[in-house]
N, C-alpha and C. Protein backbone atom coordinates (compact mmCIF):
# COMPACT_ATOMS: atom_id res chain seq x y z
N UNK A 1 72.97 120.97 126.94
CA UNK A 1 72.13 122.06 126.58
C UNK A 1 71.75 122.03 125.10
N UNK A 2 71.14 123.09 124.67
CA UNK A 2 70.67 123.18 123.28
C UNK A 2 71.78 123.07 122.24
N UNK A 3 72.95 123.70 122.43
CA UNK A 3 74.00 123.54 121.41
C UNK A 3 74.43 122.08 121.21
N UNK A 4 74.48 121.32 122.30
CA UNK A 4 74.86 119.90 122.19
C UNK A 4 73.77 119.11 121.49
N UNK A 5 72.51 119.39 121.84
CA UNK A 5 71.39 118.72 121.17
C UNK A 5 71.38 119.04 119.68
N UNK A 6 71.62 120.31 119.35
CA UNK A 6 71.67 120.71 117.94
C UNK A 6 72.78 119.98 117.20
N UNK A 7 73.96 119.90 117.81
CA UNK A 7 75.08 119.20 117.18
C UNK A 7 74.75 117.74 116.96
N UNK A 8 74.11 117.10 117.93
CA UNK A 8 73.72 115.70 117.79
C UNK A 8 72.73 115.52 116.65
N UNK A 9 71.76 116.43 116.55
CA UNK A 9 70.77 116.35 115.47
C UNK A 9 71.44 116.50 114.10
N UNK A 10 72.36 117.44 114.00
CA UNK A 10 73.07 117.66 112.74
C UNK A 10 73.86 116.41 112.36
N UNK A 11 74.56 115.83 113.32
CA UNK A 11 75.36 114.63 113.05
C UNK A 11 74.47 113.43 112.71
N UNK A 12 73.34 113.29 113.38
CA UNK A 12 72.40 112.21 113.05
C UNK A 12 71.83 112.40 111.65
N UNK A 13 71.47 113.64 111.30
CA UNK A 13 70.95 113.91 109.95
C UNK A 13 71.97 113.56 108.88
N UNK A 14 73.25 113.65 109.22
CA UNK A 14 74.32 113.39 108.25
C UNK A 14 74.85 111.96 108.32
N UNK A 15 74.19 111.11 109.11
CA UNK A 15 74.62 109.70 109.27
C UNK A 15 76.04 109.57 109.82
N UNK A 16 76.40 110.45 110.73
CA UNK A 16 77.75 110.43 111.30
C UNK A 16 77.79 109.92 112.73
N UNK A 17 76.67 109.42 113.23
CA UNK A 17 76.63 108.79 114.55
C UNK A 17 76.25 107.33 114.36
N UNK A 18 77.04 106.45 114.98
CA UNK A 18 76.82 105.02 114.79
C UNK A 18 76.53 104.29 116.10
N UNK A 19 76.75 104.97 117.23
CA UNK A 19 76.50 104.40 118.55
C UNK A 19 75.94 105.50 119.46
N UNK A 20 75.06 105.13 120.38
CA UNK A 20 74.60 106.06 121.41
C UNK A 20 74.80 105.38 122.75
N UNK A 21 75.41 106.11 123.67
CA UNK A 21 75.63 105.59 125.01
C UNK A 21 75.71 106.75 125.98
N UNK A 22 76.15 106.47 127.16
CA UNK A 22 76.25 107.50 128.18
C UNK A 22 77.53 107.34 128.97
N UNK A 23 78.07 108.46 129.41
CA UNK A 23 79.21 108.42 130.32
C UNK A 23 78.74 108.72 131.74
N UNK A 24 77.44 108.57 131.95
CA UNK A 24 76.83 108.90 133.25
C UNK A 24 77.45 108.10 134.37
N UNK A 25 77.91 108.79 135.38
CA UNK A 25 78.47 108.12 136.55
C UNK A 25 78.02 108.76 137.84
N UNK A 26 77.16 109.75 137.78
CA UNK A 26 76.58 110.37 138.96
C UNK A 26 75.11 110.60 138.66
N UNK A 27 74.29 109.60 138.93
CA UNK A 27 72.89 109.68 138.54
C UNK A 27 72.07 110.60 139.46
N UNK A 28 72.63 111.02 140.56
CA UNK A 28 71.90 111.95 141.44
C UNK A 28 71.95 113.37 140.87
N UNK A 29 73.13 113.80 140.46
CA UNK A 29 73.27 115.17 139.94
C UNK A 29 72.90 115.28 138.48
N UNK A 30 73.21 114.26 137.69
CA UNK A 30 72.92 114.28 136.25
C UNK A 30 72.31 112.95 135.85
N UNK A 31 71.01 112.79 136.00
CA UNK A 31 70.39 111.50 135.64
C UNK A 31 70.50 111.23 134.15
N UNK A 32 70.71 109.97 133.82
CA UNK A 32 70.78 109.60 132.41
C UNK A 32 69.38 109.69 131.80
N UNK A 33 69.32 110.12 130.58
CA UNK A 33 68.03 110.26 129.89
C UNK A 33 68.06 109.48 128.58
N UNK A 34 68.58 108.26 128.66
CA UNK A 34 68.72 107.46 127.45
C UNK A 34 67.37 107.06 126.86
N UNK A 35 66.37 106.83 127.70
CA UNK A 35 65.06 106.47 127.15
C UNK A 35 64.48 107.63 126.35
N UNK A 36 64.64 108.85 126.85
CA UNK A 36 64.15 110.02 126.12
C UNK A 36 64.89 110.16 124.79
N UNK A 37 66.20 109.91 124.81
CA UNK A 37 66.99 109.98 123.57
C UNK A 37 66.55 108.89 122.59
N UNK A 38 66.34 107.68 123.10
CA UNK A 38 65.87 106.57 122.25
C UNK A 38 64.52 106.94 121.63
N UNK A 39 63.61 107.48 122.43
CA UNK A 39 62.29 107.85 121.93
C UNK A 39 62.37 108.94 120.86
N UNK A 40 63.22 109.94 121.09
CA UNK A 40 63.38 111.04 120.12
C UNK A 40 63.94 110.52 118.80
N UNK A 41 64.95 109.66 118.87
CA UNK A 41 65.54 109.10 117.65
C UNK A 41 64.52 108.21 116.94
N UNK A 42 63.77 107.41 117.70
CA UNK A 42 62.73 106.57 117.09
C UNK A 42 61.70 107.41 116.36
N UNK A 43 61.29 108.49 117.02
CA UNK A 43 60.27 109.38 116.46
C UNK A 43 60.77 110.10 115.21
N UNK A 44 62.04 110.52 115.23
CA UNK A 44 62.58 111.33 114.14
C UNK A 44 63.16 110.49 113.00
N UNK A 45 63.87 109.42 113.32
CA UNK A 45 64.57 108.64 112.29
C UNK A 45 64.08 107.20 112.19
N UNK A 46 63.15 106.80 113.02
CA UNK A 46 62.58 105.46 112.95
C UNK A 46 63.13 104.52 114.02
N UNK A 47 62.29 103.57 114.42
CA UNK A 47 62.67 102.64 115.49
C UNK A 47 63.81 101.71 115.09
N UNK A 48 63.90 101.40 113.81
CA UNK A 48 64.99 100.52 113.35
C UNK A 48 66.36 101.19 113.56
N UNK A 49 66.43 102.47 113.24
CA UNK A 49 67.69 103.20 113.43
C UNK A 49 68.01 103.34 114.91
N UNK A 50 67.01 103.63 115.73
CA UNK A 50 67.24 103.74 117.17
C UNK A 50 67.74 102.42 117.73
N UNK A 51 67.14 101.32 117.32
CA UNK A 51 67.58 100.00 117.78
C UNK A 51 69.04 99.74 117.41
N UNK A 52 69.42 100.10 116.20
CA UNK A 52 70.81 99.92 115.77
C UNK A 52 71.76 100.78 116.59
N UNK A 53 71.40 102.06 116.78
CA UNK A 53 72.30 102.98 117.48
C UNK A 53 72.46 102.64 118.96
N UNK A 54 71.40 102.20 119.61
CA UNK A 54 71.45 101.96 121.04
C UNK A 54 71.84 100.52 121.41
N UNK A 55 71.57 99.55 120.52
CA UNK A 55 71.78 98.16 120.89
C UNK A 55 72.61 97.37 119.86
N UNK A 56 72.08 97.27 118.65
CA UNK A 56 72.64 96.33 117.68
C UNK A 56 74.09 96.63 117.31
N UNK A 57 74.41 97.89 117.03
CA UNK A 57 75.78 98.23 116.61
C UNK A 57 76.79 97.92 117.71
N UNK A 58 76.44 98.24 118.95
CA UNK A 58 77.35 97.96 120.08
C UNK A 58 77.54 96.46 120.25
N UNK A 59 76.45 95.70 120.14
CA UNK A 59 76.55 94.24 120.29
C UNK A 59 77.44 93.65 119.20
N UNK A 60 77.28 94.13 117.98
CA UNK A 60 78.12 93.64 116.88
C UNK A 60 79.58 94.00 117.10
N UNK A 61 79.85 95.22 117.52
CA UNK A 61 81.23 95.64 117.76
C UNK A 61 81.87 94.78 118.84
N UNK A 62 81.16 94.57 119.95
CA UNK A 62 81.71 93.77 121.04
C UNK A 62 81.93 92.32 120.64
N UNK A 63 81.14 91.82 119.69
CA UNK A 63 81.30 90.45 119.20
C UNK A 63 82.34 90.36 118.09
N UNK A 64 82.93 91.49 117.72
CA UNK A 64 83.93 91.51 116.66
C UNK A 64 83.33 91.40 115.27
N UNK A 65 82.05 91.69 115.15
CA UNK A 65 81.36 91.62 113.86
C UNK A 65 81.41 92.98 113.17
N UNK A 66 81.18 92.95 111.87
CA UNK A 66 81.14 94.17 111.07
C UNK A 66 79.89 94.98 111.42
N UNK A 67 80.07 96.27 111.61
CA UNK A 67 78.95 97.18 111.86
C UNK A 67 78.65 97.90 110.56
N UNK A 68 77.50 97.63 110.02
CA UNK A 68 77.10 98.25 108.76
C UNK A 68 76.47 99.61 109.06
N UNK A 69 76.97 100.66 108.42
CA UNK A 69 76.46 102.01 108.66
C UNK A 69 76.07 102.65 107.33
N UNK A 70 75.10 103.57 107.37
CA UNK A 70 74.71 104.25 106.13
C UNK A 70 75.80 105.20 105.65
N UNK A 71 75.81 105.47 104.36
CA UNK A 71 76.77 106.43 103.81
C UNK A 71 76.50 107.80 104.42
N UNK A 72 77.58 108.55 104.70
CA UNK A 72 77.38 109.90 105.26
C UNK A 72 76.77 110.85 104.23
N UNK A 73 76.06 111.83 104.75
CA UNK A 73 75.47 112.88 103.93
C UNK A 73 76.18 114.19 104.25
N UNK A 74 76.12 115.17 103.36
CA UNK A 74 76.72 116.47 103.68
C UNK A 74 76.11 117.06 104.95
N UNK A 75 76.94 117.68 105.74
CA UNK A 75 76.48 118.30 106.98
C UNK A 75 75.72 119.57 106.64
N UNK A 76 74.50 119.67 107.15
CA UNK A 76 73.63 120.82 106.91
C UNK A 76 73.21 121.41 108.25
N UNK A 77 73.11 122.73 108.35
CA UNK A 77 72.60 123.31 109.60
C UNK A 77 71.14 122.94 109.80
N UNK A 78 70.70 122.98 111.05
CA UNK A 78 69.30 122.71 111.34
C UNK A 78 68.42 123.82 110.80
N UNK A 79 67.26 123.46 110.36
CA UNK A 79 66.27 124.45 109.90
C UNK A 79 65.22 124.58 110.98
N UNK A 80 65.14 125.75 111.54
CA UNK A 80 64.22 125.96 112.65
C UNK A 80 63.04 126.85 112.30
N UNK A 81 63.02 127.42 111.12
CA UNK A 81 61.93 128.31 110.75
C UNK A 81 62.15 129.71 111.31
N UNK A 82 61.25 130.58 111.03
CA UNK A 82 61.37 131.98 111.41
C UNK A 82 61.42 132.17 112.92
N UNK A 83 60.53 131.52 113.66
CA UNK A 83 60.49 131.71 115.11
C UNK A 83 61.80 131.28 115.75
N UNK A 84 62.34 130.13 115.37
CA UNK A 84 63.60 129.65 115.91
C UNK A 84 64.75 130.59 115.60
N UNK A 85 64.78 131.13 114.40
CA UNK A 85 65.83 132.07 114.01
C UNK A 85 65.75 133.35 114.81
N UNK A 86 64.54 133.87 114.99
CA UNK A 86 64.36 135.09 115.78
C UNK A 86 64.74 134.87 117.25
N UNK A 87 64.30 133.75 117.79
CA UNK A 87 64.60 133.44 119.19
C UNK A 87 66.10 133.34 119.40
N UNK A 88 66.79 132.67 118.50
CA UNK A 88 68.23 132.52 118.61
C UNK A 88 68.93 133.88 118.45
N UNK A 89 68.49 134.69 117.52
CA UNK A 89 69.12 135.98 117.28
C UNK A 89 68.99 136.90 118.49
N UNK A 90 67.83 136.91 119.13
CA UNK A 90 67.61 137.81 120.25
C UNK A 90 68.14 137.27 121.57
N UNK A 91 68.32 135.96 121.67
CA UNK A 91 68.83 135.40 122.93
C UNK A 91 70.34 135.56 123.05
N UNK A 92 71.03 135.77 121.95
CA UNK A 92 72.49 135.88 122.00
C UNK A 92 72.95 137.32 122.24
N UNK A 93 72.02 138.27 122.32
CA UNK A 93 72.43 139.68 122.53
C UNK A 93 72.45 140.04 123.99
């Protein structure tokens, strides 16, 4: 849901995610949406970062190679603007 997506965005903004994968094991009830996630990361952080998170870092780890990651940034809440703040405030009541 939205809280999980928000947490992922915050962690990605802070360079605290180094791999993306799925624990999907029932594709009928919960289909994997890795392509949508790859596209969103490519659009937001660039195709090079998406390639590293989805493919390159895992391949390096499995080969026993060093995985180079960016330095972490301070964790910041998402900025959603006035409409997002109002929507969140009124939906929790």
